[in-house]
Amino acid sequence: MPLVPGGIYQHYKGPRYRVLGVVRHSETLEELVHYECLYTNPNGQFWVRPRAMFEGTVTLDGKPTPRFALVAAEA
């Protein structure tokens, strides 16, 4: 499933985030997802993560689970 800019994603641990867009690392050109916490995070509101990691899976109870799952596409 393609990444949805403006979409609300839920992390497998529970918190929700809004994807602001895809950006590139200035040296490596690696695609990074720029996203915003939708909760109060004392470490910061805006984050980036490699796109492959954002769209990847983790193993929970022996089953592959999306690290971030789309829960709403913003209008």
C-alpha atoms as a PDB file:
ATOM      1  CA  MET A   1       0.000   0.000   0.000  1.00  0.00           C
ATOM      2  CA  PRO A   2       1.445   3.410  -0.929  1.00  0.00           C
ATOM      3  CA  LEU A   3       2.288   5.891   1.794  1.00  0.00           C
ATOM      4  CA  VAL A   4      -0.497   8.466   2.296  1.00  0.00           C
ATOM      5  CA  PRO A   5       0.737  12.029   2.977  1.00  0.00           C
ATOM      6  CA  GLY A   6      -1.599  13.560   5.562  1.00  0.00           C
ATOM      7  CA  GLY A   7      -2.677  10.073   6.624  1.00  0.00           C
ATOM      8  CA  ILE A   8      -2.977   9.084  10.259  1.00  0.00           C
ATOM      9  CA  TYR A   9      -0.917   6.035  11.143  1.00  0.00           C
ATOM     10  CA  GLN A  10      -0.926   3.974  14.317  1.00  0.00           C
ATOM     11  CA  HIS A  11       2.368   2.599  15.596  1.00  0.00           C
ATOM     12  CA  TYR A  12       2.237  -1.035  16.648  1.00  0.00           C
ATOM     13  CA  LYS A  13       2.782   0.113  20.265  1.00  0.00           C
ATOM     14  CA  GLY A  14      -0.319   2.339  20.105  1.00  0.00           C
ATOM     15  CA  PRO A  15       0.485   6.033  19.521  1.00  0.00           C
ATOM     16  CA  ARG A  16      -0.803   7.801  16.414  1.00  0.00           C
ATOM     17  CA  TYR A  17       1.096   9.978  13.976  1.00  0.00           C
ATOM     18  CA  ARG A  18       0.347  12.148  10.936  1.00  0.00           C
ATOM     19  CA  VAL A  19       2.586  11.645   7.908  1.00  0.00           C
ATOM     20  CA  LEU A  20       3.684  15.018   6.562  1.00  0.00           C
ATOM     21  CA  GLY A  21       5.495  13.680   3.537  1.00  0.00           C
ATOM     22  CA  VAL A  22       8.507  11.884   2.150  1.00  0.00           C
ATOM     23  CA  VAL A  23      11.843  13.714   2.182  1.00  0.00           C
ATOM     24  CA  ARG A  24      15.352  12.751   1.087  1.00  0.00           C
ATOM     25  CA  HIS A  25      18.606  12.668   2.975  1.00  0.00           C
ATOM     26  CA  SER A  26      20.853  15.359   1.455  1.00  0.00           C
ATOM     27  CA  GLU A  27      23.935  13.128   1.209  1.00  0.00           C
ATOM     28  CA  THR A  28      22.591   9.628   0.507  1.00  0.00           C
ATOM     29  CA  LEU A  29      19.250  10.522  -1.151  1.00  0.00           C
ATOM     30  CA  GLU A  30      17.628   7.876   1.050  1.00  0.00           C
ATOM     31  CA  GLU A  31      13.866   8.385   1.347  1.00  0.00           C
ATOM     32  CA  LEU A  32      12.733   9.332   4.847  1.00  0.00           C
ATOM     33  CA  VAL A  33       9.198   9.678   6.178  1.00  0.00           C
ATOM     34  CA  HIS A  34       8.581  13.010   7.943  1.00  0.00           C
ATOM     35  CA  TYR A  35       5.851  12.599  10.532  1.00  0.00           C
ATOM     36  CA  GLU A  36       4.234  14.366  13.488  1.00  0.00           C
ATOM     37  CA  CYS A  37       3.286  12.988  16.907  1.00  0.00           C
ATOM     38  CA  LEU A  38      -0.425  13.350  17.656  1.00  0.00           C
ATOM     39  CA  TYR A  39       0.257  13.208  21.387  1.00  0.00           C
ATOM     40  CA  THR A  40       2.477  15.156  23.752  1.00  0.00           C
ATOM     41  CA  ASN A  41       5.972  13.766  23.374  1.00  0.00           C
ATOM     42  CA  PRO A  42       8.602  15.381  25.621  1.00  0.00           C
ATOM     43  CA  ASN A  43      11.309  14.401  23.094  1.00  0.00           C
ATOM     44  CA  GLY A  44       9.783  16.372  20.223  1.00  0.00           C
ATOM     45  CA  GLN A  45       6.810  16.677  17.901  1.00  0.00           C
ATOM     46  CA  PHE A  46       8.375  16.084  14.461  1.00  0.00           C
ATOM     47  CA  TRP A  47      10.357  13.022  13.426  1.00  0.00           C
ATOM     48  CA  VAL A  48      11.903  11.279  10.426  1.00  0.00           C
ATOM     49  CA  ARG A  49      12.492   7.592   9.873  1.00  0.00           C
ATOM     50  CA  PRO A  50      13.797   5.675   6.859  1.00  0.00           C
ATOM     51  CA  ARG A  51      10.860   4.887   4.597  1.00  0.00           C
ATOM     52  CA  ALA A  52      11.769   1.200   4.481  1.00  0.00           C
ATOM     53  CA  MET A  53      11.613   1.050   8.266  1.00  0.00           C
ATOM     54  CA  PHE A  54       8.361   3.056   8.474  1.00  0.00           C
ATOM     55  CA  GLU A  55       6.687   0.742   5.961  1.00  0.00           C
ATOM     56  CA  GLY A  56       8.301  -2.385   7.411  1.00  0.00           C
ATOM     57  CA  THR A  57       7.017  -4.986   9.817  1.00  0.00           C
ATOM     58  CA  VAL A  58       7.851  -6.205  13.295  1.00  0.00           C
ATOM     59  CA  THR A  59       7.171  -9.650  14.711  1.00  0.00           C
ATOM     60  CA  LEU A  60       4.553  -9.802  17.474  1.00  0.00           C
ATOM     61  CA  ASP A  61       3.502 -13.143  18.928  1.00  0.00           C
ATOM     62  CA  GLY A  62       5.237 -14.828  16.018  1.00  0.00           C
ATOM     63  CA  LYS A  63       3.273 -12.868  13.384  1.00  0.00           C
ATOM     64  CA  PRO A  64       4.498 -10.086  11.078  1.00  0.00           C
ATOM     65  CA  THR A  65       2.759  -6.833  12.019  1.00  0.00           C
ATOM     66  CA  PRO A  66       3.070  -3.444  10.287  1.00  0.00           C
ATOM     67  CA  ARG A  67       5.273  -1.050  12.266  1.00  0.00           C
ATOM     68  CA  PHE A  68       2.824   1.722  11.251  1.00  0.00           C
ATOM     69  CA  ALA A  69      -0.703   1.005   9.985  1.00  0.00           C
ATOM     70  CA  LEU A  70      -2.864   3.530   8.151  1.00  0.00           C
ATOM     71  CA  VAL A  71      -6.018   4.229  10.199  1.00  0.00           C
ATOM     72  CA  ALA A  72      -7.371   7.338   8.419  1.00  0.00           C
ATOM     73  CA  ALA A  73      -6.640   9.236   5.244  1.00  0.00           C
ATOM     74  CA  GLU A  74      -7.026  12.956   5.869  1.00  0.00           C
ATOM     75  CA  ALA A  75      -9.141  14.945   3.470  1.00  0.00           C
END
